[in-house]
Amino acid sequence: MRSRLYLSLSAAALLLAAPALTACSSSADSTPKAAAPAAAAPSSGAPAAAAPGAAAAPVSAGPVAAAAPSAGAAGTGAQTAKCTSAHLKWTVTRITNPAADTPNPPNGRLTVTNTGSQSCTFTGYPKLAFHLGKGPEADGVGKGDPAPLTLAAGRQAVIDLSYSELNGKGPDSANCVLTTTGSAQVTAPGETTEVRVPVTDQSGKPTDITICGDTVRMGTPTTH
């Protein structure tokens, strides 16, 4: 009898304890699980993987040099060299029969030819002198600063020469110091080499030139 009572009490105790055990089990199951460990961060020496779809930025090779200007770019360009004595030929012509329609015809003409193979720039007046030995001298005198002239190969520049002659035309022709010679001494502008240039008539034959006074007026150089 006592044994049955004990078994009954034990069974009742088990029935009462079952819900509590069930609640404990449910409570244990509802506890949030620990988060999975994060992936290890890559070491500082390893390159990071690019994000999907992101374009890789181009790697610069260094500062880009500015493009050099082409030969045709705006600017001064190559300058024409000045005319030098080595490539100039001079002639002095005495004019006795000027063209009928020439106003104020000159007495003579100084012509310079570019004998070089390249263009050159002729700037200013040459030095011009007429004299015979140590006798009287007449020097060329220009007016102002003439514009530079570009002479292509074989082209000429001309300078008209005006002076008084012992023929009644000049204001002092009856009383002047005469310079008579068959040549002139010419020095190109900016040069030091003096060249002896024979005087010729309009047909190219040698002749003398007679100048009354000590001045020969030089006109503005022009291309011809």
N, C-alpha and C. Protein backbone atom coordinates (compact mmCIF):
# COMPACT_ATOMS: atom_id res chain seq x y z
N MET A 1 0.83 -1.19 0.00
CA MET A 1 0.00 0.00 0.00
C MET A 1 0.85 1.23 0.00
N ARG A 2 1.86 1.26 0.86
CA ARG A 2 2.78 2.39 1.00
C ARG A 2 3.56 2.55 -0.30
N SER A 3 3.90 1.44 -0.95
CA SER A 3 4.65 1.50 -2.22
C SER A 3 3.79 2.10 -3.30
N ARG A 4 2.56 1.78 -3.38
CA ARG A 4 1.68 2.35 -4.40
C ARG A 4 1.52 3.83 -4.22
N LEU A 5 1.39 4.20 -2.93
CA LEU A 5 1.23 5.63 -2.67
C LEU A 5 2.46 6.40 -3.12
N TYR A 6 3.62 5.82 -2.91
CA TYR A 6 4.88 6.48 -3.28
C TYR A 6 4.98 6.61 -4.78
N LEU A 7 4.60 5.57 -5.51
CA LEU A 7 4.64 5.60 -6.97
C LEU A 7 3.67 6.63 -7.50
N SER A 8 2.52 6.72 -6.85
CA SER A 8 1.53 7.70 -7.31
C SER A 8 2.03 9.10 -7.12
N LEU A 9 2.65 9.32 -5.95
CA LEU A 9 3.18 10.67 -5.69
C LEU A 9 4.31 10.99 -6.66
N SER A 10 5.15 10.02 -6.98
CA SER A 10 6.27 10.25 -7.92
C SER A 10 5.75 10.57 -9.30
N ALA A 11 4.71 9.85 -9.71
CA ALA A 11 4.15 10.11 -11.04
C ALA A 11 3.56 11.47 -11.10
N ALA A 12 2.89 11.88 -9.99
CA ALA A 12 2.29 13.23 -9.99
C ALA A 12 3.36 14.28 -10.04
N ALA A 13 4.45 14.03 -9.34
CA ALA A 13 5.54 15.02 -9.35
C ALA A 13 6.14 15.17 -10.74
N LEU A 14 6.24 14.04 -11.42
CA LEU A 14 6.79 14.10 -12.78
C LEU A 14 5.86 14.87 -13.71
N LEU A 15 4.57 14.66 -13.54
CA LEU A 15 3.62 15.38 -14.40
C LEU A 15 3.69 16.87 -14.15
N LEU A 16 3.88 17.24 -12.88
CA LEU A 16 3.96 18.68 -12.57
C LEU A 16 5.27 19.28 -13.08
N ALA A 17 6.32 18.51 -13.09
CA ALA A 17 7.63 19.05 -13.52
C ALA A 17 7.78 19.12 -15.02
N ALA A 18 7.01 18.40 -15.78
CA ALA A 18 7.16 18.35 -17.26
C ALA A 18 6.99 19.71 -17.91
N PRO A 19 5.92 20.48 -17.54
CA PRO A 19 5.79 21.80 -18.20
C PRO A 19 6.97 22.69 -17.94
N ALA A 20 7.50 22.64 -16.72
CA ALA A 20 8.64 23.51 -16.40
C ALA A 20 9.84 23.14 -17.24
N LEU A 21 10.05 21.83 -17.43
CA LEU A 21 11.17 21.41 -18.26
C LEU A 21 10.98 21.84 -19.70
N THR A 22 9.73 21.75 -20.15
CA THR A 22 9.45 22.17 -21.53
C THR A 22 9.72 23.64 -21.71
N ALA A 23 9.31 24.48 -20.71
CA ALA A 23 9.53 25.94 -20.80
C ALA A 23 11.00 26.24 -20.82
N CYS A 24 11.77 25.52 -20.00
CA CYS A 24 13.21 25.77 -19.97
C CYS A 24 13.83 25.45 -21.30
N SER A 25 13.36 24.32 -21.90
CA SER A 25 13.91 23.94 -23.20
C SER A 25 13.59 24.97 -24.25
N SER A 26 12.32 25.50 -24.23
CA SER A 26 11.93 26.51 -25.23
C SER A 26 12.74 27.77 -25.04
N SER A 27 12.94 28.14 -23.73
CA SER A 27 13.70 29.37 -23.46
C SER A 27 15.12 29.24 -23.96
N ALA A 28 15.67 28.04 -23.79
CA ALA A 28 17.05 27.85 -24.27
C ALA A 28 17.12 27.93 -25.77
N ASP A 29 16.08 27.40 -26.48
CA ASP A 29 16.10 27.44 -27.94
C ASP A 29 15.92 28.84 -28.48
N SER A 30 15.17 29.72 -27.71
CA SER A 30 14.89 31.06 -28.25
C SER A 30 16.05 32.01 -28.06
N THR A 31 17.08 31.62 -27.32
CA THR A 31 18.24 32.50 -27.13
C THR A 31 18.92 32.75 -28.46
N PRO A 32 19.16 34.04 -28.85
CA PRO A 32 19.77 34.30 -30.19
C PRO A 32 21.13 33.66 -30.29
N LYS A 33 21.36 33.10 -31.46
CA LYS A 33 22.64 32.45 -31.70
C LYS A 33 23.73 33.51 -31.94
N ALA A 34 24.92 33.20 -31.57
CA ALA A 34 26.05 34.13 -31.77
C ALA A 34 26.30 34.33 -33.25
N ALA A 35 26.58 35.57 -33.62
CA ALA A 35 26.84 35.88 -35.05
C ALA A 35 28.08 35.15 -35.52
N ALA A 36 28.02 34.76 -36.79
CA ALA A 36 29.17 34.07 -37.37
C ALA A 36 30.34 35.03 -37.42
N PRO A 37 31.52 34.57 -37.17
CA PRO A 37 32.69 35.47 -37.19
C PRO A 37 32.86 36.11 -38.55
N ALA A 38 33.16 37.44 -38.53
CA ALA A 38 33.34 38.18 -39.80
C ALA A 38 34.58 37.69 -40.51
N ALA A 39 34.53 37.83 -41.86
CA ALA A 39 35.69 37.41 -42.65
C ALA A 39 36.88 38.27 -42.28
N ALA A 40 38.00 37.67 -42.22
CA ALA A 40 39.21 38.41 -41.82
C ALA A 40 39.52 39.49 -42.84
N ALA A 41 39.83 40.70 -42.33
CA ALA A 41 40.17 41.81 -43.24
C ALA A 41 41.47 41.52 -43.93
N PRO A 42 41.58 41.88 -45.21
CA PRO A 42 42.84 41.60 -45.93
C PRO A 42 43.96 42.39 -45.30
N SER A 43 45.16 41.83 -45.36
CA SER A 43 46.32 42.53 -44.82
C SER A 43 46.60 43.76 -45.64
N SER A 44 47.32 44.73 -45.01
CA SER A 44 47.58 46.01 -45.69
C SER A 44 48.42 45.85 -46.94
N GLY A 45 49.15 44.77 -47.08
CA GLY A 45 50.00 44.58 -48.26
C GLY A 45 49.27 43.99 -49.43
N ALA A 46 48.07 43.40 -49.23
CA ALA A 46 47.36 42.76 -50.33
C ALA A 46 46.41 43.75 -50.96
N PRO A 47 46.29 43.79 -52.29
CA PRO A 47 45.38 44.72 -52.95
C PRO A 47 43.94 44.34 -52.69
N ALA A 48 43.12 45.37 -52.47
CA ALA A 48 41.70 45.12 -52.23
C ALA A 48 41.03 44.73 -53.52
N ALA A 49 40.06 43.81 -53.41
CA ALA A 49 39.33 43.37 -54.60
C ALA A 49 38.42 44.48 -55.06
N ALA A 50 38.35 44.71 -56.36
CA ALA A 50 37.50 45.77 -56.90
C ALA A 50 36.06 45.38 -56.77
N ALA A 51 35.23 46.40 -56.53
CA ALA A 51 33.80 46.13 -56.43
C ALA A 51 33.29 45.69 -57.78
N PRO A 52 32.32 44.76 -57.79
CA PRO A 52 31.79 44.28 -59.09
C PRO A 52 31.25 45.44 -59.90
N GLY A 53 31.60 45.46 -61.18
CA GLY A 53 31.06 46.47 -62.09
C GLY A 53 31.82 47.78 -62.07
N ALA A 54 32.72 48.01 -61.10
CA ALA A 54 33.45 49.28 -61.05
C ALA A 54 34.61 49.23 -62.02
N ALA A 55 34.76 50.29 -62.85
CA ALA A 55 35.84 50.33 -63.82
C ALA A 55 37.12 50.72 -63.13
N ALA A 56 38.20 50.07 -63.47
CA ALA A 56 39.48 50.40 -62.86
C ALA A 56 39.97 51.73 -63.39
N ALA A 57 40.43 52.62 -62.50
CA ALA A 57 40.93 53.93 -62.91
C ALA A 57 42.26 53.76 -63.62
N PRO A 58 42.48 54.48 -64.76
CA PRO A 58 43.76 54.34 -65.47
C PRO A 58 44.90 54.85 -64.61
N VAL A 59 46.01 54.18 -64.73
CA VAL A 59 47.19 54.57 -63.95
C VAL A 59 47.98 55.59 -64.74
N SER A 60 48.22 56.76 -64.16
CA SER A 60 48.96 57.82 -64.86
C SER A 60 50.43 57.48 -64.88
N ALA A 61 51.05 57.68 -66.04
CA ALA A 61 52.48 57.39 -66.16
C ALA A 61 53.32 58.56 -65.70
N GLY A 62 52.69 59.66 -65.31
CA GLY A 62 53.44 60.84 -64.89
C GLY A 62 52.85 62.07 -65.55
N PRO A 63 53.38 63.26 -65.29
CA PRO A 63 52.85 64.48 -65.89
C PRO A 63 52.97 64.45 -67.40
N VAL A 64 51.90 64.88 -68.07
CA VAL A 64 51.88 64.87 -69.53
C VAL A 64 52.56 66.13 -70.03
N ALA A 65 53.54 65.99 -70.89
CA ALA A 65 54.26 67.17 -71.41
C ALA A 65 53.39 67.90 -72.41
N ALA A 66 53.49 69.21 -72.42
CA ALA A 66 52.73 70.02 -73.37
C ALA A 66 53.27 69.78 -74.77
N ALA A 67 52.35 69.71 -75.73
CA ALA A 67 52.76 69.46 -77.10
C ALA A 67 53.57 70.63 -77.63
N ALA A 68 54.66 70.35 -78.35
CA ALA A 68 55.49 71.42 -78.92
C ALA A 68 54.75 72.06 -80.07
N PRO A 69 54.85 73.39 -80.26
CA PRO A 69 54.15 74.05 -81.36
C PRO A 69 54.70 73.59 -82.69
N SER A 70 53.80 73.45 -83.64
CA SER A 70 54.23 73.01 -84.96
C SER A 70 54.95 74.14 -85.67
N ALA A 71 55.63 73.79 -86.75
CA ALA A 71 56.39 74.80 -87.48
C ALA A 71 55.48 75.85 -88.07
N GLY A 72 54.20 75.51 -88.28
CA GLY A 72 53.29 76.47 -88.88
C GLY A 72 52.54 77.31 -87.88
N ALA A 73 52.86 77.16 -86.56
CA ALA A 73 52.16 77.94 -85.55
C ALA A 73 52.44 79.41 -85.73
N ALA A 74 51.48 80.23 -85.23
CA ALA A 74 51.64 81.66 -85.37
C ALA A 74 52.86 82.12 -84.62
N GLY A 75 53.54 83.11 -85.14
CA GLY A 75 54.73 83.61 -84.51
C GLY A 75 55.56 84.38 -85.51
N THR A 76 56.77 84.79 -85.15
CA THR A 76 57.61 85.56 -86.01
C THR A 76 58.11 84.74 -87.19
N GLY A 77 58.23 83.36 -86.94
CA GLY A 77 58.78 82.56 -87.97
C GLY A 77 60.20 82.86 -88.22
N ALA A 78 60.77 82.19 -89.26
CA ALA A 78 62.17 82.42 -89.55
C ALA A 78 62.35 83.79 -90.19
N GLN A 79 63.34 84.55 -89.73
CA GLN A 79 63.58 85.88 -90.26
C GLN A 79 64.54 85.80 -91.44
N THR A 80 64.34 86.72 -92.43
CA THR A 80 65.23 86.79 -93.59
C THR A 80 66.54 87.44 -93.16
N ALA A 81 67.65 86.84 -93.54
CA ALA A 81 68.96 87.38 -93.18
C ALA A 81 69.20 88.70 -93.90
N LYS A 82 70.01 89.54 -93.31
CA LYS A 82 70.31 90.82 -93.94
C LYS A 82 71.23 90.61 -95.13
N CYS A 83 71.15 91.53 -96.07
CA CYS A 83 72.02 91.48 -97.25
C CYS A 83 73.45 91.85 -96.84
N THR A 84 74.40 91.07 -97.28
CA THR A 84 75.80 91.32 -96.95
C THR A 84 76.61 91.57 -98.22
N SER A 85 77.78 92.16 -98.04
CA SER A 85 78.63 92.52 -99.19
C SER A 85 78.98 91.32 -100.05
N ALA A 86 79.09 90.14 -99.43
CA ALA A 86 79.49 88.94 -100.18
C ALA A 86 78.50 88.58 -101.27
N HIS A 87 77.23 89.00 -101.13
CA HIS A 87 76.21 88.62 -102.11
C HIS A 87 75.50 89.84 -102.69
N LEU A 88 76.24 90.93 -102.83
CA LEU A 88 75.67 92.13 -103.44
C LEU A 88 76.57 92.62 -104.58
N LYS A 89 75.93 93.00 -105.67
CA LYS A 89 76.66 93.57 -106.81
C LYS A 89 76.12 94.98 -107.05
N TRP A 90 77.02 95.95 -107.17
CA TRP A 90 76.63 97.35 -107.31
C TRP A 90 76.95 97.87 -108.72
N THR A 91 76.12 98.78 -109.19
CA THR A 91 76.41 99.52 -110.42
C THR A 91 76.02 100.98 -110.22
N VAL A 92 76.81 101.88 -110.82
CA VAL A 92 76.50 103.31 -110.79
C VAL A 92 76.33 103.76 -112.24
N THR A 93 75.17 104.31 -112.53
CA THR A 93 74.86 104.72 -113.90
C THR A 93 74.65 106.23 -113.96
N ARG A 94 75.34 106.87 -114.90
CA ARG A 94 75.12 108.29 -115.14
C ARG A 94 73.98 108.43 -116.15
N ILE A 95 72.96 109.19 -115.76
CA ILE A 95 71.78 109.33 -116.62
C ILE A 95 71.85 110.67 -117.36
N THR A 96 71.99 110.58 -118.68
CA THR A 96 72.04 111.79 -119.51
C THR A 96 70.83 111.89 -120.44
N ASN A 97 70.09 110.80 -120.53
CA ASN A 97 68.93 110.79 -121.42
C ASN A 97 67.75 110.13 -120.71
N PRO A 98 67.16 110.84 -119.73
CA PRO A 98 66.04 110.25 -118.98
C PRO A 98 64.79 110.14 -119.85
N ALA A 99 63.89 109.29 -119.45
CA ALA A 99 62.62 109.14 -120.16
C ALA A 99 61.88 110.48 -120.17
N ALA A 100 61.18 110.75 -121.27
CA ALA A 100 60.52 112.04 -121.43
C ALA A 100 59.46 112.30 -120.37
N ASP A 101 58.81 111.26 -119.88
CA ASP A 101 57.72 111.44 -118.92
C ASP A 101 58.19 111.32 -117.47
N THR A 102 59.51 111.40 -117.23
CA THR A 102 60.03 111.27 -115.87
C THR A 102 60.08 112.64 -115.19
N PRO A 103 59.28 112.86 -114.14
CA PRO A 103 59.34 114.14 -113.43
C PRO A 103 60.59 114.22 -112.56
N ASN A 104 61.24 115.37 -112.59
CA ASN A 104 62.47 115.57 -111.81
C ASN A 104 63.45 114.41 -112.00
N PRO A 105 63.89 114.17 -113.21
CA PRO A 105 64.78 113.02 -113.46
C PRO A 105 66.08 113.13 -112.66
N PRO A 106 66.58 112.01 -112.17
CA PRO A 106 67.84 112.02 -111.41
C PRO A 106 69.04 112.18 -112.34
N ASN A 107 70.16 112.52 -111.76
CA ASN A 107 71.41 112.62 -112.53
C ASN A 107 72.09 111.26 -112.67
N GLY A 108 71.81 110.40 -111.74
CA GLY A 108 72.43 109.08 -111.78
C GLY A 108 71.59 108.08 -111.00
N ARG A 109 72.05 106.85 -110.99
CA ARG A 109 71.30 105.80 -110.28
C ARG A 109 72.29 104.77 -109.73
N LEU A 110 72.08 104.43 -108.47
CA LEU A 110 72.85 103.37 -107.82
C LEU A 110 71.97 102.14 -107.74
N THR A 111 72.45 101.04 -108.30
CA THR A 111 71.66 99.80 -108.33
C THR A 111 72.42 98.70 -107.59
N VAL A 112 71.69 97.94 -106.78
CA VAL A 112 72.29 96.81 -106.07
C VAL A 112 71.49 95.55 -106.39
N THR A 113 72.20 94.46 -106.68
CA THR A 113 71.58 93.19 -107.04
C THR A 113 71.94 92.12 -106.02
N ASN A 114 70.95 91.35 -105.60
CA ASN A 114 71.20 90.22 -104.70
C ASN A 114 71.69 89.05 -105.55
N THR A 115 72.98 88.74 -105.44
CA THR A 115 73.56 87.65 -106.23
C THR A 115 73.54 86.31 -105.48
N GLY A 116 73.01 86.30 -104.27
CA GLY A 116 72.94 85.06 -103.51
C GLY A 116 71.80 84.17 -103.97
N SER A 117 71.70 82.99 -103.35
CA SER A 117 70.65 82.02 -103.70
C SER A 117 69.44 82.13 -102.80
N GLN A 118 69.52 82.97 -101.76
CA GLN A 118 68.43 83.15 -100.81
C GLN A 118 68.02 84.62 -100.75
N SER A 119 66.78 84.85 -100.31
CA SER A 119 66.32 86.22 -100.12
C SER A 119 67.11 86.87 -98.98
N CYS A 120 67.23 88.19 -99.05
CA CYS A 120 67.90 88.92 -97.97
C CYS A 120 67.19 90.25 -97.77
N THR A 121 67.45 90.88 -96.63
CA THR A 121 66.80 92.14 -96.29
C THR A 121 67.80 93.28 -96.42
N PHE A 122 67.42 94.27 -97.24
CA PHE A 122 68.27 95.45 -97.45
C PHE A 122 67.64 96.59 -96.65
N THR A 123 68.39 97.09 -95.67
CA THR A 123 67.84 98.10 -94.76
C THR A 123 68.73 99.33 -94.70
N GLY A 124 68.16 100.48 -95.00
CA GLY A 124 68.90 101.73 -94.85
C GLY A 124 69.61 102.17 -96.12
N TYR A 125 70.46 103.17 -95.96
CA TYR A 125 71.24 103.72 -97.08
C TYR A 125 72.66 103.18 -97.04
N PRO A 126 73.24 102.94 -98.22
CA PRO A 126 74.66 102.56 -98.24
C PRO A 126 75.53 103.80 -98.04
N LYS A 127 76.77 103.56 -97.75
CA LYS A 127 77.74 104.66 -97.73
C LYS A 127 78.26 104.84 -99.15
N LEU A 128 78.19 106.07 -99.63
CA LEU A 128 78.55 106.35 -101.03
C LEU A 128 79.51 107.54 -101.07
N ALA A 129 80.59 107.39 -101.82
CA ALA A 129 81.57 108.49 -101.93
C ALA A 129 82.15 108.52 -103.34
N PHE A 130 82.30 109.73 -103.87
CA PHE A 130 82.96 109.94 -105.16
C PHE A 130 84.21 110.79 -104.90
N HIS A 131 85.34 110.27 -105.30
CA HIS A 131 86.57 111.07 -105.18
C HIS A 131 87.63 110.47 -106.09
N LEU A 132 88.64 111.27 -106.40
CA LEU A 132 89.75 110.83 -107.22
C LEU A 132 91.02 111.04 -106.42
N GLY A 133 91.58 109.95 -105.92
CA GLY A 133 92.76 110.06 -105.08
C GLY A 133 92.46 110.84 -103.82
N LYS A 134 93.29 111.87 -103.55
CA LYS A 134 93.10 112.72 -102.38
C LYS A 134 92.44 114.04 -102.75
N GLY A 135 91.84 114.08 -103.94
CA GLY A 135 91.19 115.30 -104.38
C GLY A 135 89.84 115.50 -103.71
N PRO A 136 89.04 116.45 -104.24
CA PRO A 136 87.71 116.74 -103.66
C PRO A 136 86.85 115.47 -103.60
N GLU A 137 85.96 115.47 -102.65
CA GLU A 137 85.10 114.30 -102.44
C GLU A 137 83.65 114.74 -102.32
N ALA A 138 82.77 113.96 -102.91
CA ALA A 138 81.33 114.18 -102.78
C ALA A 138 80.73 112.92 -102.15
N ASP A 139 79.96 113.10 -101.09
CA ASP A 139 79.39 111.96 -100.35
C ASP A 139 77.87 111.89 -100.52
N GLY A 140 77.39 110.67 -100.54
CA GLY A 140 75.95 110.45 -100.62
C GLY A 140 75.26 110.73 -99.30
N VAL A 141 74.10 111.39 -99.37
CA VAL A 141 73.33 111.73 -98.17
C VAL A 141 71.88 111.29 -98.39
N GLY A 142 71.37 110.46 -97.49
CA GLY A 142 69.98 110.03 -97.56
C GLY A 142 69.10 110.83 -96.62
N LYS A 143 67.81 110.65 -96.75
CA LYS A 143 66.84 111.38 -95.92
C LYS A 143 65.96 110.38 -95.18
N GLY A 144 65.92 110.51 -93.85
CA GLY A 144 65.05 109.65 -93.05
C GLY A 144 65.56 108.22 -92.95
N ASP A 145 64.68 107.35 -92.48
CA ASP A 145 64.99 105.93 -92.33
C ASP A 145 64.09 105.13 -93.26
N PRO A 146 64.61 104.70 -94.40
CA PRO A 146 63.78 103.95 -95.35
C PRO A 146 63.35 102.60 -94.80
N ALA A 147 62.20 102.14 -95.24
CA ALA A 147 61.70 100.83 -94.81
C ALA A 147 62.58 99.71 -95.36
N PRO A 148 62.72 98.62 -94.63
CA PRO A 148 63.51 97.48 -95.12
C PRO A 148 62.91 96.91 -96.40
N LEU A 149 63.78 96.46 -97.28
CA LEU A 149 63.35 95.84 -98.53
C LEU A 149 63.81 94.38 -98.55
N THR A 150 62.92 93.49 -98.94
CA THR A 150 63.30 92.08 -99.10
C THR A 150 63.64 91.83 -100.56
N LEU A 151 64.88 91.43 -100.79
CA LEU A 151 65.34 91.16 -102.15
C LEU A 151 65.45 89.65 -102.36
N ALA A 152 64.61 89.13 -103.24
CA ALA A 152 64.73 87.72 -103.59
C ALA A 152 66.00 87.53 -104.41
N ALA A 153 66.41 86.29 -104.57
CA ALA A 153 67.62 86.01 -105.34
C ALA A 153 67.48 86.60 -106.75
N GLY A 154 68.47 87.41 -107.16
CA GLY A 154 68.47 88.01 -108.48
C GLY A 154 67.72 89.33 -108.58
N ARG A 155 66.99 89.72 -107.52
CA ARG A 155 66.24 90.98 -107.56
C ARG A 155 67.13 92.16 -107.19
N GLN A 156 66.64 93.38 -107.56
CA GLN A 156 67.43 94.60 -107.39
C GLN A 156 66.71 95.65 -106.55
N ALA A 157 67.52 96.53 -105.98
CA ALA A 157 67.01 97.76 -105.36
C ALA A 157 67.74 98.91 -106.03
N VAL A 158 67.01 100.01 -106.26
CA VAL A 158 67.61 101.16 -106.95
C VAL A 158 67.50 102.39 -106.06
N ILE A 159 68.51 103.26 -106.17
CA ILE A 159 68.55 104.51 -105.43
C ILE A 159 68.89 105.62 -106.42
N ASP A 160 67.98 106.55 -106.60
CA ASP A 160 68.24 107.67 -107.51
C ASP A 160 69.25 108.62 -106.88
N LEU A 161 70.13 109.17 -107.72
CA LEU A 161 71.16 110.09 -107.26
C LEU A 161 70.95 111.46 -107.92
N SER A 162 70.94 112.49 -107.10
CA SER A 162 70.76 113.85 -107.62
C SER A 162 71.91 114.73 -107.12
N TYR A 163 72.46 115.52 -108.01
CA TYR A 163 73.57 116.40 -107.66
C TYR A 163 73.63 117.54 -108.68
N SER A 164 74.42 118.55 -108.37
CA SER A 164 74.60 119.67 -109.29
C SER A 164 75.73 119.37 -110.26
N GLU A 165 75.53 119.74 -111.53
CA GLU A 165 76.54 119.53 -112.56
C GLU A 165 77.04 120.89 -113.06
N LEU A 166 78.23 120.90 -113.63
CA LEU A 166 78.77 122.12 -114.20
C LEU A 166 78.22 122.29 -115.62
N ASN A 167 76.89 122.56 -115.66
CA ASN A 167 76.26 122.73 -116.96
C ASN A 167 75.17 123.80 -116.91
N GLY A 168 75.23 124.62 -115.85
CA GLY A 168 74.24 125.69 -115.74
C GLY A 168 72.97 125.28 -115.05
N LYS A 169 72.79 123.99 -114.72
CA LYS A 169 71.55 123.54 -114.08
C LYS A 169 71.59 123.72 -112.56
N GLY A 170 72.74 123.50 -111.97
CA GLY A 170 72.83 123.58 -110.51
C GLY A 170 72.94 125.01 -110.04
N PRO A 171 72.48 125.30 -108.80
CA PRO A 171 72.53 126.67 -108.28
C PRO A 171 73.94 127.20 -108.12
N ASP A 172 74.91 126.33 -107.95
CA ASP A 172 76.29 126.76 -107.76
C ASP A 172 77.21 126.24 -108.87
N SER A 173 76.61 125.91 -110.00
CA SER A 173 77.40 125.28 -111.05
C SER A 173 78.48 126.18 -111.62
N ALA A 174 78.29 127.50 -111.49
CA ALA A 174 79.30 128.41 -112.04
C ALA A 174 80.47 128.61 -111.08
N ASN A 175 80.31 128.25 -109.82
CA ASN A 175 81.36 128.46 -108.83
C ASN A 175 81.30 127.34 -107.79
N CYS A 176 81.92 126.22 -108.10
CA CYS A 176 81.88 125.08 -107.18
C CYS A 176 83.14 124.26 -107.30
N VAL A 177 83.32 123.42 -106.33
CA VAL A 177 84.42 122.47 -106.36
C VAL A 177 83.95 121.24 -107.10
N LEU A 178 84.70 120.86 -108.11
CA LEU A 178 84.28 119.75 -108.96
C LEU A 178 84.93 118.44 -108.53
N THR A 179 84.14 117.42 -108.60
CA THR A 179 84.65 116.07 -108.38
C THR A 179 84.40 115.29 -109.66
N THR A 180 85.48 114.92 -110.32
CA THR A 180 85.36 114.17 -111.55
C THR A 180 86.06 112.82 -111.37
N THR A 181 85.33 111.79 -111.59
CA THR A 181 85.88 110.45 -111.38
C THR A 181 85.14 109.44 -112.24
N GLY A 182 85.75 108.29 -112.40
CA GLY A 182 85.13 107.21 -113.17
C GLY A 182 84.64 106.08 -112.28
N SER A 183 84.61 106.30 -110.97
CA SER A 183 84.16 105.23 -110.06
C SER A 183 83.61 105.82 -108.77
N ALA A 184 82.97 104.98 -108.00
CA ALA A 184 82.44 105.36 -106.69
C ALA A 184 82.86 104.31 -105.68
N GLN A 185 82.90 104.71 -104.42
CA GLN A 185 83.20 103.78 -103.33
C GLN A 185 81.88 103.53 -102.58
N VAL A 186 81.49 102.28 -102.50
CA VAL A 186 80.19 101.93 -101.91
C VAL A 186 80.39 100.91 -100.79
N THR A 187 79.69 101.15 -99.68
CA THR A 187 79.68 100.21 -98.55
C THR A 187 78.23 99.88 -98.21
N ALA A 188 77.89 98.62 -98.18
CA ALA A 188 76.51 98.20 -97.90
C ALA A 188 76.09 98.63 -96.50
N PRO A 189 74.79 98.85 -96.27
CA PRO A 189 74.31 99.24 -94.94
C PRO A 189 74.72 98.22 -93.88
N GLY A 190 75.29 98.71 -92.78
CA GLY A 190 75.68 97.83 -91.69
C GLY A 190 76.94 97.03 -91.95
N GLU A 191 77.62 97.27 -93.07
CA GLU A 191 78.84 96.55 -93.42
C GLU A 191 80.05 97.49 -93.34
N THR A 192 81.22 96.91 -93.40
CA THR A 192 82.45 97.70 -93.38
C THR A 192 83.29 97.51 -94.63
N THR A 193 82.89 96.57 -95.49
CA THR A 193 83.66 96.31 -96.71
C THR A 193 83.32 97.34 -97.78
N GLU A 194 84.32 98.09 -98.21
CA GLU A 194 84.12 99.11 -99.24
C GLU A 194 84.42 98.50 -100.61
N VAL A 195 83.55 98.78 -101.56
CA VAL A 195 83.68 98.22 -102.90
C VAL A 195 83.83 99.36 -103.91
N ARG A 196 84.78 99.21 -104.80
CA ARG A 196 84.94 100.20 -105.88
C ARG A 196 84.01 99.81 -107.02
N VAL A 197 83.18 100.77 -107.43
CA VAL A 197 82.17 100.51 -108.46
C VAL A 197 82.40 101.45 -109.65
N PRO A 198 82.65 100.91 -110.83
CA PRO A 198 82.85 101.76 -112.00
C PRO A 198 81.56 102.51 -112.37
N VAL A 199 81.72 103.71 -112.92
CA VAL A 199 80.58 104.48 -113.40
C VAL A 199 80.40 104.17 -114.89
N THR A 200 79.15 103.92 -115.29
CA THR A 200 78.86 103.65 -116.71
C THR A 200 77.75 104.58 -117.18
N ASP A 201 77.65 104.69 -118.50
CA ASP A 201 76.53 105.44 -119.06
C ASP A 201 75.33 104.51 -119.18
N GLN A 202 74.27 104.99 -119.81
CA GLN A 202 73.03 104.20 -119.88
C GLN A 202 73.15 102.99 -120.79
N SER A 203 74.18 102.98 -121.62
CA SER A 203 74.40 101.82 -122.49
C SER A 203 75.36 100.81 -121.87
N GLY A 204 75.89 101.14 -120.68
CA GLY A 204 76.79 100.22 -120.00
C GLY A 204 78.26 100.47 -120.26
N LYS A 205 78.59 101.56 -120.98
CA LYS A 205 79.99 101.86 -121.26
C LYS A 205 80.59 102.71 -120.14
N PRO A 206 81.88 102.52 -119.83
CA PRO A 206 82.52 103.31 -118.77
C PRO A 206 82.49 104.81 -119.11
N THR A 207 82.31 105.62 -118.11
CA THR A 207 82.28 107.07 -118.29
C THR A 207 82.70 107.76 -117.01
N ASP A 208 82.93 109.06 -117.08
CA ASP A 208 83.25 109.85 -115.89
C ASP A 208 82.00 110.55 -115.40
N ILE A 209 82.00 110.85 -114.14
CA ILE A 209 80.91 111.61 -113.54
C ILE A 209 81.51 112.88 -112.94
N THR A 210 80.87 114.01 -113.17
CA THR A 210 81.35 115.29 -112.65
C THR A 210 80.29 115.86 -111.72
N ILE A 211 80.71 116.12 -110.51
CA ILE A 211 79.77 116.58 -109.48
C ILE A 211 80.21 117.96 -109.00
N CYS A 212 79.28 118.89 -108.97
CA CYS A 212 79.54 120.23 -108.47
C CYS A 212 79.12 120.28 -107.00
N GLY A 213 80.10 120.43 -106.11
CA GLY A 213 79.77 120.43 -104.69
C GLY A 213 80.23 119.15 -104.02
N ASP A 214 79.85 119.00 -102.76
CA ASP A 214 80.32 117.84 -101.98
C ASP A 214 79.19 116.93 -101.52
N THR A 215 78.01 117.12 -102.12
CA THR A 215 76.86 116.32 -101.68
C THR A 215 76.15 115.67 -102.87
N VAL A 216 75.84 114.40 -102.70
CA VAL A 216 75.00 113.66 -103.65
C VAL A 216 73.77 113.20 -102.88
N ARG A 217 72.61 113.67 -103.30
CA ARG A 217 71.37 113.33 -102.59
C ARG A 217 70.88 111.95 -103.06
N MET A 218 70.65 111.08 -102.09
CA MET A 218 70.19 109.73 -102.40
C MET A 218 68.69 109.63 -102.15
N GLY A 219 67.96 109.12 -103.16
CA GLY A 219 66.52 108.91 -103.00
C GLY A 219 66.25 107.66 -102.17
N THR A 220 64.98 107.46 -101.82
CA THR A 220 64.59 106.28 -101.03
C THR A 220 64.80 105.00 -101.83
N PRO A 221 65.46 104.00 -101.28
CA PRO A 221 65.65 102.73 -101.99
C PRO A 221 64.30 102.09 -102.32
N THR A 222 64.18 101.59 -103.55
CA THR A 222 62.96 100.90 -103.99
C THR A 222 63.36 99.63 -104.73
N THR A 223 62.47 98.65 -104.71
CA THR A 223 62.75 97.41 -105.45
C THR A 223 62.52 97.63 -106.93
N HIS A 224 63.22 96.82 -107.72
CA HIS A 224 63.13 96.97 -109.17
C HIS A 224 63.10 95.59 -109.82
